[in-house]
Amino acid sequence: MGSMLYAQKDTVHVQGFYEAGFVEGTLNDAIADVRANGDLNNTVFKLTPYEVYVLSSKIFMGFGENLEIVGPKPGSTQESALPQIVWTDEEIDRAFEEHERWSDF
């Protein structure tokens, strides 16, 4: 029987709004940092239970890019609830942009 190799993805633990001291955009910053290193498709972003992740801008995924965001399995208490990804109340561009490749479909 032949052997198979499985690639293991890097995991980035992202602090939420409360963990980071009421800082918005921690998920945006984590994604931007990983993207700058060219490792986006090989990275999993792990969120904290019962945390809020306030986006400071939209997250645009280019053609061929994959974004994997995970959280722990929810439990039976509020402290083990799923994390939430929410918009900021600041004026940011929330418009959906049609990717140039999508118009081909």
PDB file of N, CA and C in Angstrom:
ATOM      1  N   MET A   1       0.842  -1.165   0.000  1.00  0.00           N
ATOM      2  CA  MET A   1       0.000   0.000   0.000  1.00  0.00           C
ATOM      3  C   MET A   1       0.896   1.238   0.000  1.00  0.00           C
ATOM      4  N   GLY A   2       0.624   2.185  -0.873  1.00  0.00           N
ATOM      5  CA  GLY A   2       1.409   3.396  -0.960  1.00  0.00           C
ATOM      6  C   GLY A   2       1.092   4.361   0.172  1.00  0.00           C
ATOM      7  N   SER A   3       2.013   5.255   0.414  1.00  0.00           N
ATOM      8  CA  SER A   3       1.777   6.248   1.466  1.00  0.00           C
ATOM      9  C   SER A   3       1.253   7.535   0.849  1.00  0.00           C
ATOM     10  N   MET A   4       0.446   8.232   1.610  1.00  0.00           N
ATOM     11  CA  MET A   4      -0.113   9.504   1.149  1.00  0.00           C
ATOM     12  C   MET A   4       0.379  10.612   2.057  1.00  0.00           C
ATOM     13  N   LEU A   5       0.652  11.746   1.482  1.00  0.00           N
ATOM     14  CA  LEU A   5       1.062  12.909   2.256  1.00  0.00           C
ATOM     15  C   LEU A   5      -0.091  13.893   2.326  1.00  0.00           C
ATOM     16  N   TYR A   6      -0.320  14.414   3.491  1.00  0.00           N
ATOM     17  CA  TYR A   6      -1.357  15.419   3.676  1.00  0.00           C
ATOM     18  C   TYR A   6      -0.700  16.702   4.159  1.00  0.00           C
ATOM     19  N   ALA A   7      -1.019  17.780   3.513  1.00  0.00           N
ATOM     20  CA  ALA A   7      -0.468  19.065   3.922  1.00  0.00           C
ATOM     21  C   ALA A   7      -1.234  19.573   5.133  1.00  0.00           C
ATOM     22  N   GLN A   8      -0.494  20.035   6.105  1.00  0.00           N
ATOM     23  CA  GLN A   8      -1.121  20.603   7.288  1.00  0.00           C
ATOM     24  C   GLN A   8      -1.104  22.116   7.155  1.00  0.00           C
ATOM     25  N   LYS A   9      -2.233  22.731   7.405  1.00  0.00           N
ATOM     26  CA  LYS A   9      -2.330  24.179   7.298  1.00  0.00           C
ATOM     27  C   LYS A   9      -1.842  24.838   8.585  1.00  0.00           C
ATOM     28  N   ASP A  10      -1.315  26.049   8.433  1.00  0.00           N
ATOM     29  CA  ASP A  10      -0.949  26.849   9.598  1.00  0.00           C
ATOM     30  C   ASP A  10      -2.223  27.371  10.247  1.00  0.00           C
ATOM     31  N   THR A  11      -2.203  27.527  11.559  1.00  0.00           N
ATOM     32  CA  THR A  11      -3.352  28.061  12.284  1.00  0.00           C
ATOM     33  C   THR A  11      -2.979  29.397  12.896  1.00  0.00           C
ATOM     34  N   VAL A  12      -3.802  30.400  12.640  1.00  0.00           N
ATOM     35  CA  VAL A  12      -3.631  31.716  13.242  1.00  0.00           C
ATOM     36  C   VAL A  12      -4.784  31.919  14.216  1.00  0.00           C
ATOM     37  N   HIS A  13      -4.458  32.077  15.489  1.00  0.00           N
ATOM     38  CA  HIS A  13      -5.469  32.359  16.507  1.00  0.00           C
ATOM     39  C   HIS A  13      -5.705  33.865  16.508  1.00  0.00           C
ATOM     40  N   VAL A  14      -6.929  34.270  16.211  1.00  0.00           N
ATOM     41  CA  VAL A  14      -7.255  35.691  16.067  1.00  0.00           C
ATOM     42  C   VAL A  14      -7.969  36.174  17.325  1.00  0.00           C
ATOM     43  N   GLN A  15      -7.452  37.252  17.916  1.00  0.00           N
ATOM     44  CA  GLN A  15      -8.119  37.848  19.071  1.00  0.00           C
ATOM     45  C   GLN A  15      -9.382  38.559  18.621  1.00  0.00           C
ATOM     46  N   GLY A  16     -10.389  38.477  19.438  1.00  0.00           N
ATOM     47  CA  GLY A  16     -11.634  39.168  19.155  1.00  0.00           C
ATOM     48  C   GLY A  16     -11.628  40.588  19.700  1.00  0.00           C
ATOM     49  N   PHE A  17     -12.745  41.256  19.535  1.00  0.00           N
ATOM     50  CA  PHE A  17     -12.919  42.653  19.938  1.00  0.00           C
ATOM     51  C   PHE A  17     -12.621  42.853  21.425  1.00  0.00           C
ATOM     52  N   TYR A  18     -13.134  42.001  22.273  1.00  0.00           N
ATOM     53  CA  TYR A  18     -12.941  42.152  23.716  1.00  0.00           C
ATOM     54  C   TYR A  18     -11.547  41.720  24.146  1.00  0.00           C
ATOM     55  N   GLU A  19     -11.058  40.616  23.606  1.00  0.00           N
ATOM     56  CA  GLU A  19      -9.707  40.139  23.932  1.00  0.00           C
ATOM     57  C   GLU A  19      -8.647  41.177  23.580  1.00  0.00           C
ATOM     58  N   ALA A  20      -8.857  41.886  22.467  1.00  0.00           N
ATOM     59  CA  ALA A  20      -7.874  42.851  21.974  1.00  0.00           C
ATOM     60  C   ALA A  20      -8.033  44.228  22.610  1.00  0.00           C
ATOM     61  N   GLY A  21      -8.901  44.350  23.602  1.00  0.00           N
ATOM     62  CA  GLY A  21      -9.080  45.649  24.259  1.00  0.00           C
ATOM     63  C   GLY A  21      -9.958  46.589  23.473  1.00  0.00           C
ATOM     64  N   PHE A  22     -11.053  46.064  22.908  1.00  0.00           N
ATOM     65  CA  PHE A  22     -12.034  46.838  22.143  1.00  0.00           C
ATOM     66  C   PHE A  22     -11.451  47.390  20.837  1.00  0.00           C
ATOM     67  N   VAL A  23     -10.651  46.560  20.188  1.00  0.00           N
ATOM     68  CA  VAL A  23     -10.031  46.930  18.913  1.00  0.00           C
ATOM     69  C   VAL A  23     -10.805  46.265  17.785  1.00  0.00           C
ATOM     70  N   GLU A  24     -11.215  47.067  16.805  1.00  0.00           N
ATOM     71  CA  GLU A  24     -11.889  46.547  15.614  1.00  0.00           C
ATOM     72  C   GLU A  24     -10.853  46.119  14.581  1.00  0.00           C
ATOM     73  N   GLY A  25     -11.235  45.200  13.715  1.00  0.00           N
ATOM     74  CA  GLY A  25     -10.400  44.850  12.572  1.00  0.00           C
ATOM     75  C   GLY A  25      -9.328  43.813  12.833  1.00  0.00           C
ATOM     76  N   THR A  26      -9.400  43.098  13.952  1.00  0.00           N
ATOM     77  CA  THR A  26      -8.359  42.096  14.218  1.00  0.00           C
ATOM     78  C   THR A  26      -8.374  40.973  13.183  1.00  0.00           C
ATOM     79  N   LEU A  27      -9.557  40.585  12.734  1.00  0.00           N
ATOM     80  CA  LEU A  27      -9.643  39.552  11.696  1.00  0.00           C
ATOM     81  C   LEU A  27      -9.129  40.098  10.366  1.00  0.00           C
ATOM     82  N   ASN A  28      -9.501  41.332  10.027  1.00  0.00           N
ATOM     83  CA  ASN A  28      -8.992  41.961   8.804  1.00  0.00           C
ATOM     84  C   ASN A  28      -7.464  42.011   8.813  1.00  0.00           C
ATOM     85  N   ASP A  29      -6.896  42.421   9.952  1.00  0.00           N
ATOM     86  CA  ASP A  29      -5.442  42.539  10.058  1.00  0.00           C
ATOM     87  C   ASP A  29      -4.758  41.183   9.936  1.00  0.00           C
ATOM     88  N   ALA A  30      -5.333  40.166  10.574  1.00  0.00           N
ATOM     89  CA  ALA A  30      -4.739  38.828  10.509  1.00  0.00           C
ATOM     90  C   ALA A  30      -4.738  38.308   9.073  1.00  0.00           C
ATOM     91  N   ILE A  31      -5.843  38.513   8.367  1.00  0.00           N
ATOM     92  CA  ILE A  31      -5.936  38.065   6.974  1.00  0.00           C
ATOM     93  C   ILE A  31      -4.949  38.831   6.100  1.00  0.00           C
ATOM     94  N   ALA A  32      -4.849  40.147   6.305  1.00  0.00           N
ATOM     95  CA  ALA A  32      -3.923  40.967   5.514  1.00  0.00           C
ATOM     96  C   ALA A  32      -2.473  40.548   5.744  1.00  0.00           C
ATOM     97  N   ASP A  33      -2.117  40.250   6.995  1.00  0.00           N
ATOM     98  CA  ASP A  33      -0.745  39.833   7.302  1.00  0.00           C
ATOM     99  C   ASP A  33      -0.399  38.517   6.616  1.00  0.00           C
ATOM    100  N   VAL A  34      -1.311  37.557   6.676  1.00  0.00           N
ATOM    101  CA  VAL A  34      -1.063  36.253   6.056  1.00  0.00           C
ATOM    102  C   VAL A  34      -1.028  36.390   4.536  1.00  0.00           C
ATOM    103  N   ARG A  35      -1.925  37.185   3.989  1.00  0.00           N
ATOM    104  CA  ARG A  35      -1.958  37.398   2.538  1.00  0.00           C
ATOM    105  C   ARG A  35      -0.647  38.031   2.062  1.00  0.00           C
ATOM    106  N   ALA A  36      -0.107  38.962   2.823  1.00  0.00           N
ATOM    107  CA  ALA A  36       1.141  39.630   2.444  1.00  0.00           C
ATOM    108  C   ALA A  36       2.300  38.639   2.347  1.00  0.00           C
ATOM    109  N   ASN A  37       2.226  37.569   3.125  1.00  0.00           N
ATOM    110  CA  ASN A  37       3.259  36.531   3.077  1.00  0.00           C
ATOM    111  C   ASN A  37       2.975  35.466   2.033  1.00  0.00           C
ATOM    112  N   GLY A  38       1.827  35.576   1.348  1.00  0.00           N
ATOM    113  CA  GLY A  38       1.479  34.618   0.303  1.00  0.00           C
ATOM    114  C   GLY A  38       1.012  33.269   0.816  1.00  0.00           C
ATOM    115  N   ASP A  39       0.534  33.228   2.074  1.00  0.00           N
ATOM    116  CA  ASP A  39       0.164  31.952   2.686  1.00  0.00           C
ATOM    117  C   ASP A  39      -1.333  31.796   2.919  1.00  0.00           C
ATOM    118  N   LEU A  40      -2.161  32.602   2.290  1.00  0.00           N
ATOM    119  CA  LEU A  40      -3.591  32.604   2.593  1.00  0.00           C
ATOM    120  C   LEU A  40      -4.243  31.240   2.373  1.00  0.00           C
ATOM    121  N   ASN A  41      -3.923  30.573   1.290  1.00  0.00           N
ATOM    122  CA  ASN A  41      -4.552  29.283   0.987  1.00  0.00           C
ATOM    123  C   ASN A  41      -4.079  28.159   1.903  1.00  0.00           C
ATOM    124  N   ASN A  42      -3.018  28.399   2.652  1.00  0.00           N
ATOM    125  CA  ASN A  42      -2.473  27.373   3.543  1.00  0.00           C
ATOM    126  C   ASN A  42      -2.658  27.725   5.013  1.00  0.00           C
ATOM    127  N   THR A  43      -3.635  28.589   5.300  1.00  0.00           N
ATOM    128  CA  THR A  43      -3.830  29.069   6.664  1.00  0.00           C
ATOM    129  C   THR A  43      -5.283  28.927   7.084  1.00  0.00           C
ATOM    130  N   VAL A  44      -5.473  28.563   8.349  1.00  0.00           N
ATOM    131  CA  VAL A  44      -6.788  28.518   8.979  1.00  0.00           C
ATOM    132  C   VAL A  44      -6.803  29.594  10.056  1.00  0.00           C
ATOM    133  N   PHE A  45      -7.851  30.407  10.063  1.00  0.00           N
ATOM    134  CA  PHE A  45      -8.011  31.446  11.077  1.00  0.00           C
ATOM    135  C   PHE A  45      -8.975  30.922  12.134  1.00  0.00           C
ATOM    136  N   LYS A  46      -8.474  30.788  13.364  1.00  0.00           N
ATOM    137  CA  LYS A  46      -9.283  30.218  14.442  1.00  0.00           C
ATOM    138  C   LYS A  46      -9.785  31.343  15.346  1.00  0.00           C
ATOM    139  N   LEU A  47     -11.109  31.368  15.528  1.00  0.00           N
ATOM    140  CA  LEU A  47     -11.744  32.389  16.346  1.00  0.00           C
ATOM    141  C   LEU A  47     -12.052  31.842  17.735  1.00  0.00           C
ATOM    142  N   THR A  48     -12.204  32.743  18.686  1.00  0.00           N
ATOM    143  CA  THR A  48     -12.450  32.412  20.086  1.00  0.00           C
ATOM    144  C   THR A  48     -13.949  32.330  20.359  1.00  0.00           C
ATOM    145  N   PRO A  49     -14.376  31.361  21.168  1.00  0.00           N
ATOM    146  CA  PRO A  49     -15.807  31.281  21.477  1.00  0.00           C
ATOM    147  C   PRO A  49     -16.294  32.530  22.211  1.00  0.00           C
ATOM    148  N   TYR A  50     -17.568  32.874  21.982  1.00  0.00           N
ATOM    149  CA  TYR A  50     -18.251  33.986  22.653  1.00  0.00           C
ATOM    150  C   TYR A  50     -17.534  35.316  22.434  1.00  0.00           C
ATOM    151  N   GLU A  51     -16.826  35.457  21.334  1.00  0.00           N
ATOM    152  CA  GLU A  51     -16.143  36.702  20.985  1.00  0.00           C
ATOM    153  C   GLU A  51     -16.845  37.333  19.804  1.00  0.00           C
ATOM    154  N   VAL A  52     -16.579  38.609  19.623  1.00  0.00           N
ATOM    155  CA  VAL A  52     -17.111  39.372  18.501  1.00  0.00           C
ATOM    156  C   VAL A  52     -15.927  39.835  17.665  1.00  0.00           C
ATOM    157  N   TYR A  53     -16.038  39.682  16.364  1.00  0.00           N
ATOM    158  CA  TYR A  53     -15.003  40.121  15.426  1.00  0.00           C
ATOM    159  C   TYR A  53     -15.612  41.213  14.562  1.00  0.00           C
ATOM    160  N   VAL A  54     -15.224  42.460  14.850  1.00  0.00           N
ATOM    161  CA  VAL A  54     -15.779  43.615  14.153  1.00  0.00           C
ATOM    162  C   VAL A  54     -14.897  43.900  12.945  1.00  0.00           C
ATOM    163  N   LEU A  55     -15.473  43.774  11.754  1.00  0.00           N
ATOM    164  CA  LEU A  55     -14.707  44.016  10.531  1.00  0.00           C
ATOM    165  C   LEU A  55     -14.463  45.505  10.351  1.00  0.00           C
ATOM    166  N   SER A  56     -13.239  45.867  10.003  1.00  0.00           N
ATOM    167  CA  SER A  56     -12.899  47.265   9.748  1.00  0.00           C
ATOM    168  C   SER A  56     -12.976  47.595   8.262  1.00  0.00           C
ATOM    169  N   SER A  57     -13.141  46.583   7.437  1.00  0.00           N
ATOM    170  CA  SER A  57     -13.314  46.768   5.994  1.00  0.00           C
ATOM    171  C   SER A  57     -13.853  45.458   5.434  1.00  0.00           C
ATOM    172  N   LYS A  58     -14.265  45.504   4.182  1.00  0.00           N
ATOM    173  CA  LYS A  58     -14.714  44.254   3.562  1.00  0.00           C
ATOM    174  C   LYS A  58     -13.495  43.368   3.325  1.00  0.00           C
ATOM    175  N   ILE A  59     -13.745  42.087   3.190  1.00  0.00           N
ATOM    176  CA  ILE A  59     -12.684  41.128   2.908  1.00  0.00           C
ATOM    177  C   ILE A  59     -12.889  40.655   1.477  1.00  0.00           C
ATOM    178  N   PHE A  60     -11.991  41.034   0.592  1.00  0.00           N
ATOM    179  CA  PHE A  60     -12.093  40.655  -0.812  1.00  0.00           C
ATOM    180  C   PHE A  60     -11.201  39.455  -1.056  1.00  0.00           C
ATOM    181  N   MET A  61     -11.762  38.454  -1.673  1.00  0.00           N
ATOM    182  CA  MET A  61     -10.997  37.266  -2.028  1.00  0.00           C
ATOM    183  C   MET A  61     -10.756  37.277  -3.529  1.00  0.00           C
ATOM    184  N   GLY A  62      -9.505  37.225  -3.909  1.00  0.00           N
ATOM    185  CA  GLY A  62      -9.156  37.190  -5.316  1.00  0.00           C
ATOM    186  C   GLY A  62      -9.382  35.811  -5.909  1.00  0.00           C
ATOM    187  N   PHE A  63      -9.370  35.736  -7.206  1.00  0.00           N
ATOM    188  CA  PHE A  63      -9.566  34.470  -7.909  1.00  0.00           C
ATOM    189  C   PHE A  63      -8.487  33.482  -7.465  1.00  0.00           C
ATOM    190  N   GLY A  64      -8.902  32.302  -7.066  1.00  0.00           N
ATOM    191  CA  GLY A  64      -7.965  31.272  -6.633  1.00  0.00           C
ATOM    192  C   GLY A  64      -7.598  31.330  -5.166  1.00  0.00           C
ATOM    193  N   GLU A  65      -8.090  32.343  -4.445  1.00  0.00           N
ATOM    194  CA  GLU A  65      -7.807  32.441  -3.018  1.00  0.00           C
ATOM    195  C   GLU A  65      -8.902  31.746  -2.214  1.00  0.00           C
ATOM    196  N   ASN A  66      -8.499  31.099  -1.132  1.00  0.00           N
ATOM    197  CA  ASN A  66      -9.434  30.435  -0.233  1.00  0.00           C
ATOM    198  C   ASN A  66      -9.282  31.029   1.160  1.00  0.00           C
ATOM    199  N   LEU A  67     -10.399  31.208   1.833  1.00  0.00           N
ATOM    200  CA  LEU A  67     -10.382  31.723   3.199  1.00  0.00           C
ATOM    201  C   LEU A  67     -11.073  30.706   4.090  1.00  0.00           C
ATOM    202  N   GLU A  68     -10.348  30.199   5.072  1.00  0.00           N
ATOM    203  CA  GLU A  68     -10.908  29.212   5.995  1.00  0.00           C
ATOM    204  C   GLU A  68     -10.913  29.803   7.403  1.00  0.00           C
ATOM    205  N   ILE A  69     -12.120  29.969   7.949  1.00  0.00           N
ATOM    206  CA  ILE A  69     -12.304  30.505   9.294  1.00  0.00           C
ATOM    207  C   ILE A  69     -13.027  29.447  10.109  1.00  0.00           C
ATOM    208  N   VAL A  70     -12.487  29.113  11.273  1.00  0.00           N
ATOM    209  CA  VAL A  70     -13.099  28.094  12.121  1.00  0.00           C
ATOM    210  C   VAL A  70     -13.276  28.632  13.535  1.00  0.00           C
ATOM    211  N   GLY A  71     -14.175  28.002  14.246  1.00  0.00           N
ATOM    212  CA  GLY A  71     -14.385  28.280  15.656  1.00  0.00           C
ATOM    213  C   GLY A  71     -14.589  26.968  16.368  1.00  0.00           C
ATOM    214  N   PRO A  72     -14.486  26.977  17.675  1.00  0.00           N
ATOM    215  CA  PRO A  72     -14.686  25.741  18.413  1.00  0.00           C
ATOM    216  C   PRO A  72     -16.142  25.296  18.377  1.00  0.00           C
ATOM    217  N   LYS A  73     -16.353  24.039  18.638  1.00  0.00           N
ATOM    218  CA  LYS A  73     -17.707  23.506  18.705  1.00  0.00           C
ATOM    219  C   LYS A  73     -18.438  24.194  19.858  1.00  0.00           C
ATOM    220  N   PRO A  74     -19.657  24.693  19.611  1.00  0.00           N
ATOM    221  CA  PRO A  74     -20.374  25.382  20.688  1.00  0.00           C
ATOM    222  C   PRO A  74     -20.761  24.413  21.801  1.00  0.00           C
ATOM    223  N   GLY A  75     -20.762  24.945  23.009  1.00  0.00           N
ATOM    224  CA  GLY A  75     -21.155  24.141  24.163  1.00  0.00           C
ATOM    225  C   GLY A  75     -22.539  24.525  24.649  1.00  0.00           C
ATOM    226  N   SER A  76     -22.804  24.229  25.889  1.00  0.00           N
ATOM    227  CA  SER A  76     -24.138  24.462  26.451  1.00  0.00           C
ATOM    228  C   SER A  76     -24.221  25.730  27.292  1.00  0.00           C
ATOM    229  N   THR A  77     -23.137  26.512  27.340  1.00  0.00           N
ATOM    230  CA  THR A  77     -23.149  27.760  28.106  1.00  0.00           C
ATOM    231  C   THR A  77     -22.924  28.940  27.169  1.00  0.00           C
ATOM    232  N   GLN A  78     -23.266  30.116  27.654  1.00  0.00           N
ATOM    233  CA  GLN A  78     -23.085  31.319  26.841  1.00  0.00           C
ATOM    234  C   GLN A  78     -21.607  31.548  26.530  1.00  0.00           C
ATOM    235  N   GLU A  79     -20.735  31.237  27.467  1.00  0.00           N
ATOM    236  CA  GLU A  79     -19.297  31.436  27.275  1.00  0.00           C
ATOM    237  C   GLU A  79     -18.719  30.531  26.192  1.00  0.00           C
ATOM    238  N   SER A  80     -19.461  29.493  25.825  1.00  0.00           N
ATOM    239  CA  SER A  80     -18.986  28.589  24.774  1.00  0.00           C
ATOM    240  C   SER A  80     -19.771  28.772  23.473  1.00  0.00           C
ATOM    241  N   ALA A  81     -20.445  29.923  23.357  1.00  0.00           N
ATOM    242  CA  ALA A  81     -21.219  30.216  22.149  1.00  0.00           C
ATOM    243  C   ALA A  81     -20.289  30.462  20.960  1.00  0.00           C
ATOM    244  N   LEU A  82     -20.835  30.326  19.772  1.00  0.00           N
ATOM    245  CA  LEU A  82     -20.056  30.579  18.558  1.00  0.00           C
ATOM    246  C   LEU A  82     -19.605  32.035  18.491  1.00  0.00           C
ATOM    247  N   PRO A  83     -18.412  32.297  17.931  1.00  0.00           N
ATOM    248  CA  PRO A  83     -17.990  33.680  17.717  1.00  0.00           C
ATOM    249  C   PRO A  83     -18.858  34.334  16.644  1.00  0.00           C
ATOM    250  N   GLN A  84     -18.918  35.659  16.677  1.00  0.00           N
ATOM    251  CA  GLN A  84     -19.719  36.412  15.707  1.00  0.00           C
ATOM    252  C   GLN A  84     -18.817  37.339  14.904  1.00  0.00           C
ATOM    253  N   ILE A  85     -19.047  37.400  13.596  1.00  0.00           N
ATOM    254  CA  ILE A  85     -18.351  38.348  12.725  1.00  0.00           C
ATOM    255  C   ILE A  85     -19.380  39.397  12.342  1.00  0.00           C
ATOM    256  N   VAL A  86     -19.084  40.664  12.674  1.00  0.00           N
ATOM    257  CA  VAL A  86     -20.049  41.746  12.478  1.00  0.00           C
ATOM    258  C   VAL A  86     -19.381  42.937  11.797  1.00  0.00           C
ATOM    259  N   TRP A  87     -20.227  43.824  11.255  1.00  0.00           N
ATOM    260  CA  TRP A  87     -19.746  45.066  10.650  1.00  0.00           C
ATOM    261  C   TRP A  87     -19.482  46.111  11.715  1.00  0.00           C
ATOM    262  N   THR A  88     -18.590  47.031  11.415  1.00  0.00           N
ATOM    263  CA  THR A  88     -18.385  48.199  12.253  1.00  0.00           C
ATOM    264  C   THR A  88     -19.507  49.190  11.992  1.00  0.00           C
ATOM    265  N   ASP A  89     -19.706  50.109  12.916  1.00  0.00           N
ATOM    266  CA  ASP A  89     -20.692  51.163  12.671  1.00  0.00           C
ATOM    267  C   ASP A  89     -20.052  52.348  11.955  1.00  0.00           C
ATOM    268  N   GLU A  90     -18.743  52.268  11.709  1.00  0.00           N
ATOM    269  CA  GLU A  90     -18.045  53.314  10.970  1.00  0.00           C
ATOM    270  C   GLU A  90     -18.453  53.268   9.500  1.00  0.00           C
ATOM    271  N   GLU A  91     -18.232  54.355   8.810  1.00  0.00           N
ATOM    272  CA  GLU A  91     -18.525  54.423   7.376  1.00  0.00           C
ATOM    273  C   GLU A  91     -17.424  53.698   6.603  1.00  0.00           C
ATOM    274  N   ILE A  92     -17.730  52.499   6.142  1.00  0.00           N
ATOM    275  CA  ILE A  92     -16.798  51.743   5.306  1.00  0.00           C
ATOM    276  C   ILE A  92     -17.555  51.263   4.080  1.00  0.00           C
ATOM    277  N   ASP A  93     -16.822  50.869   3.073  1.00  0.00           N
ATOM    278  CA  ASP A  93     -17.430  50.366   1.844  1.00  0.00           C
ATOM    279  C   ASP A  93     -17.893  48.934   2.076  1.00  0.00           C
ATOM    280  N   ARG A  94     -19.207  48.720   2.059  1.00  0.00           N
ATOM    281  CA  ARG A  94     -19.770  47.386   2.261  1.00  0.00           C
ATOM    282  C   ARG A  94     -20.344  46.821   0.967  1.00  0.00           C
ATOM    283  N   ALA A  95     -20.107  47.491  -0.136  1.00  0.00           N
ATOM    284  CA  ALA A  95     -20.705  47.090  -1.408  1.00  0.00           C
ATOM    285  C   ALA A  95     -20.079  45.797  -1.917  1.00  0.00           C
ATOM    286  N   PHE A  96     -20.917  44.956  -2.493  1.00  0.00           N
ATOM    287  CA  PHE A  96     -20.440  43.740  -3.143  1.00  0.00           C
ATOM    288  C   PHE A  96     -19.846  44.129  -4.482  1.00  0.00           C
ATOM    289  N   GLU A  97     -18.663  43.636  -4.769  1.00  0.00           N
ATOM    290  CA  GLU A  97     -18.037  43.904  -6.059  1.00  0.00           C
ATOM    291  C   GLU A  97     -18.016  42.622  -6.867  1.00  0.00           C
ATOM    292  N   GLU A  98     -18.538  42.698  -8.055  1.00  0.00           N
ATOM    293  CA  GLU A  98     -18.497  41.534  -8.931  1.00  0.00           C
ATOM    294  C   GLU A  98     -17.075  41.366  -9.436  1.00  0.00           C
ATOM    295  N   HIS A  99     -16.532  40.213  -9.200  1.00  0.00           N
ATOM    296  CA  HIS A  99     -15.181  39.918  -9.662  1.00  0.00           C
ATOM    297  C   HIS A  99     -15.218  39.795 -11.178  1.00  0.00           C
ATOM    298  N   GLU A 100     -14.212  40.302 -11.842  1.00  0.00           N
ATOM    299  CA  GLU A 100     -14.207  40.293 -13.308  1.00  0.00           C
ATOM    300  C   GLU A 100     -14.361  38.892 -13.882  1.00  0.00           C
ATOM    301  N   ARG A 101     -13.897  37.866 -13.172  1.00  0.00           N
ATOM    302  CA  ARG A 101     -14.027  36.497 -13.668  1.00  0.00           C
ATOM    303  C   ARG A 101     -15.454  35.977 -13.528  1.00  0.00           C
ATOM    304  N   TRP A 102     -16.220  36.513 -12.577  1.00  0.00           N
ATOM    305  CA  TRP A 102     -17.578  36.041 -12.350  1.00  0.00           C
ATOM    306  C   TRP A 102     -18.492  36.360 -13.519  1.00  0.00           C
ATOM    307  N   SER A 103     -18.186  37.406 -14.237  1.00  0.00           N
ATOM    308  CA  SER A 103     -19.048  37.789 -15.352  1.00  0.00           C
ATOM    309  C   SER A 103     -18.970  36.774 -16.495  1.00  0.00           C
ATOM    310  N   ASP A 104     -17.979  35.887 -16.444  1.00  0.00           N
ATOM    311  CA  ASP A 104     -17.847  34.854 -17.472  1.00  0.00           C
ATOM    312  C   ASP A 104     -18.822  33.698 -17.276  1.00  0.00           C
ATOM    313  N   PHE A 105     -19.431  33.599 -16.108  1.00  0.00           N
ATOM    314  CA  PHE A 105     -20.307  32.458 -15.793  1.00  0.00           C
ATOM    315  C   PHE A 105     -21.727  32.713 -16.192  1.00  0.00           C
TER     316      PHE A 105
END
